[in-house]
PDB file of all heavy atoms in Angstrom:
ATOM      1  N   PRO A   1      40.737 -27.264  55.557  1.00  0.00           N
ATOM      2  CA  PRO A   1      40.633 -28.672  55.045  1.00  0.00           C
ATOM      3  C   PRO A   1      40.351 -29.715  56.076  1.00  0.00           C
ATOM      4  O   PRO A   1      40.083 -30.849  55.716  1.00  0.00           O
ATOM      5  CB  PRO A   1      41.991 -28.815  54.352  1.00  0.00           C
ATOM      6  CG  PRO A   1      42.940 -27.892  55.074  1.00  0.00           C
ATOM      7  CD  PRO A   1      42.071 -26.703  55.449  1.00  0.00           C
ATOM      8  N   ALA A   2      40.483 -29.335  57.352  1.00  0.00           N
ATOM      9  CA  ALA A   2      40.281 -30.336  58.429  1.00  0.00           C
ATOM     10  C   ALA A   2      38.862 -30.312  59.003  1.00  0.00           C
ATOM     11  O   ALA A   2      38.591 -30.955  59.968  1.00  0.00           O
ATOM     12  CB  ALA A   2      41.309 -30.121  59.548  1.00  0.00           C
ATOM     13  N   ALA A   3      38.001 -29.499  58.426  1.00  0.00           N
ATOM     14  CA  ALA A   3      36.678 -29.313  58.965  1.00  0.00           C
ATOM     15  C   ALA A   3      35.562 -29.425  57.923  1.00  0.00           C
ATOM     16  O   ALA A   3      35.780 -29.177  56.757  1.00  0.00           O
ATOM     17  CB  ALA A   3      36.544 -27.959  59.685  1.00  0.00           C
ATOM     18  N   TYR A   4      34.390 -29.900  58.361  1.00  0.00           N
ATOM     19  CA  TYR A   4      33.169 -29.826  57.619  1.00  0.00           C
ATOM     20  C   TYR A   4      32.379 -28.598  58.075  1.00  0.00           C
ATOM     21  O   TYR A   4      32.566 -28.098  59.226  1.00  0.00           O
ATOM     22  CB  TYR A   4      32.299 -31.048  57.857  1.00  0.00           C
ATOM     23  CG  TYR A   4      32.793 -32.329  57.299  1.00  0.00           C
ATOM     24  CD1 TYR A   4      33.179 -33.373  58.124  1.00  0.00           C
ATOM     25  CD2 TYR A   4      32.874 -32.552  55.927  1.00  0.00           C
ATOM     26  CE1 TYR A   4      33.657 -34.564  57.631  1.00  0.00           C
ATOM     27  CE2 TYR A   4      33.342 -33.752  55.404  1.00  0.00           C
ATOM     28  CZ  TYR A   4      33.706 -34.785  56.256  1.00  0.00           C
ATOM     29  OH  TYR A   4      34.154 -35.982  55.742  1.00  0.00           O
ATOM     30  N   PHE A   5      31.509 -28.112  57.240  1.00  0.00           N
ATOM     31  CA  PHE A   5      30.447 -27.179  57.690  1.00  0.00           C
ATOM     32  C   PHE A   5      29.125 -27.675  57.263  1.00  0.00           C
ATOM     33  O   PHE A   5      28.958 -28.256  56.153  1.00  0.00           O
ATOM     34  CB  PHE A   5      30.754 -25.731  57.268  1.00  0.00           C
ATOM     35  CG  PHE A   5      30.476 -25.437  55.800  1.00  0.00           C
ATOM     36  CD1 PHE A   5      29.232 -24.956  55.417  1.00  0.00           C
ATOM     37  CD2 PHE A   5      31.450 -25.632  54.878  1.00  0.00           C
ATOM     38  CE1 PHE A   5      28.996 -24.644  54.070  1.00  0.00           C
ATOM     39  CE2 PHE A   5      31.216 -25.297  53.554  1.00  0.00           C
ATOM     40  CZ  PHE A   5      29.991 -24.854  53.148  1.00  0.00           C
ATOM     41  N   SER A   6      28.129 -27.424  58.080  1.00  0.00           N
ATOM     42  CA  SER A   6      26.745 -27.853  57.780  1.00  0.00           C
ATOM     43  C   SER A   6      25.730 -26.708  58.059  1.00  0.00           C
ATOM     44  O   SER A   6      26.040 -25.818  58.887  1.00  0.00           O
ATOM     45  CB  SER A   6      26.337 -29.054  58.644  1.00  0.00           C
ATOM     46  OG  SER A   6      27.218 -30.145  58.455  1.00  0.00           O
ATOM     47  N   LEU A   7      24.671 -26.778  57.333  1.00  0.00           N
ATOM     48  CA  LEU A   7      23.614 -25.741  57.494  1.00  0.00           C
ATOM     49  C   LEU A   7      22.317 -26.391  57.930  1.00  0.00           C
ATOM     50  O   LEU A   7      21.894 -27.391  57.408  1.00  0.00           O
ATOM     51  CB  LEU A   7      23.327 -24.987  56.176  1.00  0.00           C
ATOM     52  CG  LEU A   7      24.525 -24.447  55.373  1.00  0.00           C
ATOM     53  CD1 LEU A   7      24.078 -23.802  54.130  1.00  0.00           C
ATOM     54  CD2 LEU A   7      25.352 -23.540  56.229  1.00  0.00           C
ATOM     55  N   PHE A   8      21.673 -25.793  58.928  1.00  0.00           N
ATOM     56  CA  PHE A   8      20.379 -26.269  59.440  1.00  0.00           C
ATOM     57  C   PHE A   8      19.464 -25.096  59.579  1.00  0.00           C
ATOM     58  O   PHE A   8      19.720 -24.112  60.279  1.00  0.00           O
ATOM     59  CB  PHE A   8      20.553 -26.941  60.810  1.00  0.00           C
ATOM     60  CG  PHE A   8      21.529 -28.115  60.774  1.00  0.00           C
ATOM     61  CD1 PHE A   8      22.882 -27.937  61.195  1.00  0.00           C
ATOM     62  CD2 PHE A   8      21.064 -29.334  60.355  1.00  0.00           C
ATOM     63  CE1 PHE A   8      23.718 -29.028  61.100  1.00  0.00           C
ATOM     64  CE2 PHE A   8      21.965 -30.455  60.318  1.00  0.00           C
ATOM     65  CZ  PHE A   8      23.287 -30.285  60.685  1.00  0.00           C
ATOM     66  N   PRO A   9      18.240 -25.202  58.972  1.00  0.00           N
ATOM     67  CA  PRO A   9      17.286 -24.113  59.085  1.00  0.00           C
ATOM     68  C   PRO A   9      16.631 -24.164  60.524  1.00  0.00           C
ATOM     69  O   PRO A   9      16.430 -25.225  61.070  1.00  0.00           O
ATOM     70  CB  PRO A   9      16.204 -24.513  58.049  1.00  0.00           C
ATOM     71  CG  PRO A   9      16.320 -25.924  57.813  1.00  0.00           C
ATOM     72  CD  PRO A   9      17.783 -26.271  58.080  1.00  0.00           C
ATOM     73  N   LEU A  10      16.448 -22.958  61.067  1.00  0.00           N
ATOM     74  CA  LEU A  10      15.980 -22.862  62.465  1.00  0.00           C
ATOM     75  C   LEU A  10      14.538 -22.470  62.624  1.00  0.00           C
ATOM     76  O   LEU A  10      14.030 -22.685  63.716  1.00  0.00           O
ATOM     77  CB  LEU A  10      16.903 -21.877  63.213  1.00  0.00           C
ATOM     78  CG  LEU A  10      18.345 -22.258  63.420  1.00  0.00           C
ATOM     79  CD1 LEU A  10      19.152 -21.116  63.992  1.00  0.00           C
ATOM     80  CD2 LEU A  10      18.492 -23.516  64.308  1.00  0.00           C
ATOM     81  N   GLU A  11      13.969 -21.842  61.682  1.00  0.00           N
ATOM     82  CA  GLU A  11      12.588 -21.317  61.896  1.00  0.00           C
ATOM     83  C   GLU A  11      11.744 -21.784  60.723  1.00  0.00           C
ATOM     84  O   GLU A  11      11.237 -21.025  59.931  1.00  0.00           O
ATOM     85  CB  GLU A  11      12.605 -19.787  61.950  1.00  0.00           C
ATOM     86  CG  GLU A  11      13.400 -19.255  63.130  1.00  0.00           C
ATOM     87  CD  GLU A  11      13.557 -17.732  63.072  1.00  0.00           C
ATOM     88  OE1 GLU A  11      14.259 -17.271  62.183  1.00  0.00           O
ATOM     89  OE2 GLU A  11      12.999 -17.098  63.932  1.00  0.00           O
ATOM     90  N   GLY A  12      11.575 -23.102  60.565  1.00  0.00           N
ATOM     91  CA  GLY A  12      10.891 -23.630  59.449  1.00  0.00           C
ATOM     92  C   GLY A  12      11.788 -23.625  58.270  1.00  0.00           C
ATOM     93  O   GLY A  12      13.001 -23.578  58.341  1.00  0.00           O
ATOM     94  N   ALA A  13      11.242 -23.680  57.065  1.00  0.00           N
ATOM     95  CA  ALA A  13      12.020 -23.702  55.847  1.00  0.00           C
ATOM     96  C   ALA A  13      12.803 -22.377  55.614  1.00  0.00           C
ATOM     97  O   ALA A  13      12.361 -21.304  55.987  1.00  0.00           O
ATOM     98  CB  ALA A  13      11.084 -23.906  54.628  1.00  0.00           C
ATOM     99  N   ALA A  14      13.999 -22.556  55.117  1.00  0.00           N
ATOM    100  CA  ALA A  14      14.862 -21.429  54.722  1.00  0.00           C
ATOM    101  C   ALA A  14      14.971 -21.462  53.202  1.00  0.00           C
ATOM    102  O   ALA A  14      15.341 -22.443  52.627  1.00  0.00           O
ATOM    103  CB  ALA A  14      16.210 -21.495  55.359  1.00  0.00           C
ATOM    104  N   SER A  15      14.647 -20.377  52.561  1.00  0.00           N
ATOM    105  CA  SER A  15      14.669 -20.388  51.079  1.00  0.00           C
ATOM    106  C   SER A  15      15.631 -19.291  50.609  1.00  0.00           C
ATOM    107  O   SER A  15      16.037 -18.429  51.318  1.00  0.00           O
ATOM    108  CB  SER A  15      13.257 -20.148  50.518  1.00  0.00           C
ATOM    109  OG  SER A  15      12.722 -18.899  50.989  1.00  0.00           O
ATOM    110  N   GLY A  16      15.964 -19.455  49.290  1.00  0.00           N
ATOM    111  CA  GLY A  16      16.945 -18.589  48.747  1.00  0.00           C
ATOM    112  C   GLY A  16      18.319 -18.821  49.387  1.00  0.00           C
ATOM    113  O   GLY A  16      19.037 -17.885  49.716  1.00  0.00           O
ATOM    114  N   VAL A  17      18.712 -20.093  49.493  1.00  0.00           N
ATOM    115  CA  VAL A  17      19.970 -20.436  50.122  1.00  0.00           C
ATOM    116  C   VAL A  17      21.040 -20.600  49.049  1.00  0.00           C
ATOM    117  O   VAL A  17      20.876 -21.320  48.114  1.00  0.00           O
ATOM    118  CB  VAL A  17      19.913 -21.715  50.984  1.00  0.00           C
ATOM    119  CG1 VAL A  17      21.222 -22.103  51.578  1.00  0.00           C
ATOM    120  CG2 VAL A  17      18.855 -21.600  52.015  1.00  0.00           C
ATOM    121  N   PHE A  18      22.111 -19.892  49.202  1.00  0.00           N
ATOM    122  CA  PHE A  18      23.250 -19.866  48.265  1.00  0.00           C
ATOM    123  C   PHE A  18      24.530 -20.261  48.981  1.00  0.00           C
ATOM    124  O   PHE A  18      24.832 -19.675  50.052  1.00  0.00           O
ATOM    125  CB  PHE A  18      23.396 -18.541  47.574  1.00  0.00           C
ATOM    126  CG  PHE A  18      22.258 -18.139  46.693  1.00  0.00           C
ATOM    127  CD1 PHE A  18      21.117 -17.564  47.235  1.00  0.00           C
ATOM    128  CD2 PHE A  18      22.329 -18.331  45.315  1.00  0.00           C
ATOM    129  CE1 PHE A  18      20.031 -17.182  46.441  1.00  0.00           C
ATOM    130  CE2 PHE A  18      21.277 -17.882  44.478  1.00  0.00           C
ATOM    131  CZ  PHE A  18      20.150 -17.351  45.067  1.00  0.00           C
ATOM    132  N   ILE A  19      25.321 -21.169  48.459  1.00  0.00           N
ATOM    133  CA  ILE A  19      26.607 -21.493  48.955  1.00  0.00           C
ATOM    134  C   ILE A  19      27.563 -21.366  47.810  1.00  0.00           C
ATOM    135  O   ILE A  19      27.383 -22.055  46.734  1.00  0.00           O
ATOM    136  CB  ILE A  19      26.696 -22.906  49.546  1.00  0.00           C
ATOM    137  CG1 ILE A  19      25.663 -23.165  50.626  1.00  0.00           C
ATOM    138  CG2 ILE A  19      28.104 -23.189  50.082  1.00  0.00           C
ATOM    139  CD1 ILE A  19      25.652 -24.576  51.180  1.00  0.00           C
ATOM    140  N   THR A  20      28.627 -20.586  47.960  1.00  0.00           N
ATOM    141  CA  THR A  20      29.662 -20.485  46.968  1.00  0.00           C
ATOM    142  C   THR A  20      30.978 -20.815  47.635  1.00  0.00           C
ATOM    143  O   THR A  20      31.141 -20.674  48.887  1.00  0.00           O
ATOM    144  CB  THR A  20      29.741 -19.094  46.303  1.00  0.00           C
ATOM    145  OG1 THR A  20      29.869 -18.064  47.349  1.00  0.00           O
ATOM    146  CG2 THR A  20      28.441 -18.790  45.527  1.00  0.00           C
ATOM    147  N   GLY A  21      32.013 -21.231  46.806  1.00  0.00           N
ATOM    148  CA  GLY A  21      33.307 -21.502  47.391  1.00  0.00           C
ATOM    149  C   GLY A  21      33.311 -22.793  48.194  1.00  0.00           C
ATOM    150  O   GLY A  21      34.180 -22.984  49.130  1.00  0.00           O
ATOM    151  N   ALA A  22      32.434 -23.727  47.898  1.00  0.00           N
ATOM    152  CA  ALA A  22      32.355 -25.000  48.661  1.00  0.00           C
ATOM    153  C   ALA A  22      32.331 -26.202  47.694  1.00  0.00           C
ATOM    154  O   ALA A  22      31.999 -26.038  46.526  1.00  0.00           O
ATOM    155  CB  ALA A  22      31.108 -25.011  49.529  1.00  0.00           C
ATOM    156  N   LYS A  23      32.655 -27.347  48.203  1.00  0.00           N
ATOM    157  CA  LYS A  23      32.626 -28.541  47.374  1.00  0.00           C
ATOM    158  C   LYS A  23      31.249 -28.849  46.851  1.00  0.00           C
ATOM    159  O   LYS A  23      31.089 -29.276  45.726  1.00  0.00           O
ATOM    160  CB  LYS A  23      33.151 -29.775  48.303  1.00  0.00           C
ATOM    161  CG  LYS A  23      33.170 -31.091  47.547  1.00  0.00           C
ATOM    162  CD  LYS A  23      33.706 -32.165  48.396  1.00  0.00           C
ATOM    163  CE  LYS A  23      33.805 -33.522  47.653  1.00  0.00           C
ATOM    164  NZ  LYS A  23      34.387 -34.589  48.498  1.00  0.00           N
ATOM    165  N   TYR A  24      30.244 -28.572  47.636  1.00  0.00           N
ATOM    166  CA  TYR A  24      28.823 -28.754  47.214  1.00  0.00           C
ATOM    167  C   TYR A  24      28.168 -27.404  47.236  1.00  0.00           C
ATOM    168  O   TYR A  24      27.546 -26.983  48.242  1.00  0.00           O
ATOM    169  CB  TYR A  24      28.123 -29.751  48.163  1.00  0.00           C
ATOM    170  CG  TYR A  24      28.818 -31.048  48.323  1.00  0.00           C
ATOM    171  CD1 TYR A  24      29.411 -31.400  49.501  1.00  0.00           C
ATOM    172  CD2 TYR A  24      28.952 -31.932  47.266  1.00  0.00           C
ATOM    173  CE1 TYR A  24      30.048 -32.621  49.650  1.00  0.00           C
ATOM    174  CE2 TYR A  24      29.604 -33.195  47.396  1.00  0.00           C
ATOM    175  CZ  TYR A  24      30.168 -33.471  48.593  1.00  0.00           C
ATOM    176  OH  TYR A  24      30.846 -34.711  48.719  1.00  0.00           O
ATOM    177  N   PRO A  25      28.176 -26.684  46.164  1.00  0.00           N
ATOM    178  CA  PRO A  25      27.561 -25.340  46.063  1.00  0.00           C
ATOM    179  C   PRO A  25      26.003 -25.493  45.990  1.00  0.00           C
ATOM    180  O   PRO A  25      25.458 -26.531  45.600  1.00  0.00           O
ATOM    181  CB  PRO A  25      28.075 -24.722  44.804  1.00  0.00           C
ATOM    182  CG  PRO A  25      28.405 -25.935  43.954  1.00  0.00           C
ATOM    183  CD  PRO A  25      28.864 -27.013  44.878  1.00  0.00           C
ATOM    184  N   LEU A  26      25.292 -24.457  46.428  1.00  0.00           N
ATOM    185  CA  LEU A  26      23.843 -24.385  46.306  1.00  0.00           C
ATOM    186  C   LEU A  26      23.496 -23.085  45.633  1.00  0.00           C
ATOM    187  O   LEU A  26      24.161 -22.033  45.890  1.00  0.00           O
ATOM    188  CB  LEU A  26      23.192 -24.469  47.689  1.00  0.00           C
ATOM    189  CG  LEU A  26      23.116 -25.853  48.362  1.00  0.00           C
ATOM    190  CD1 LEU A  26      22.444 -25.743  49.697  1.00  0.00           C
ATOM    191  CD2 LEU A  26      22.433 -26.906  47.523  1.00  0.00           C
TER     192      LEU A  26
END
């Protein structure tokens, strides 16, 4: 609860990204 997490694509676009168990799911 004391941390954020962030995602950054490294090799151009990243597709089929899924996030579960988070405040902002994808």
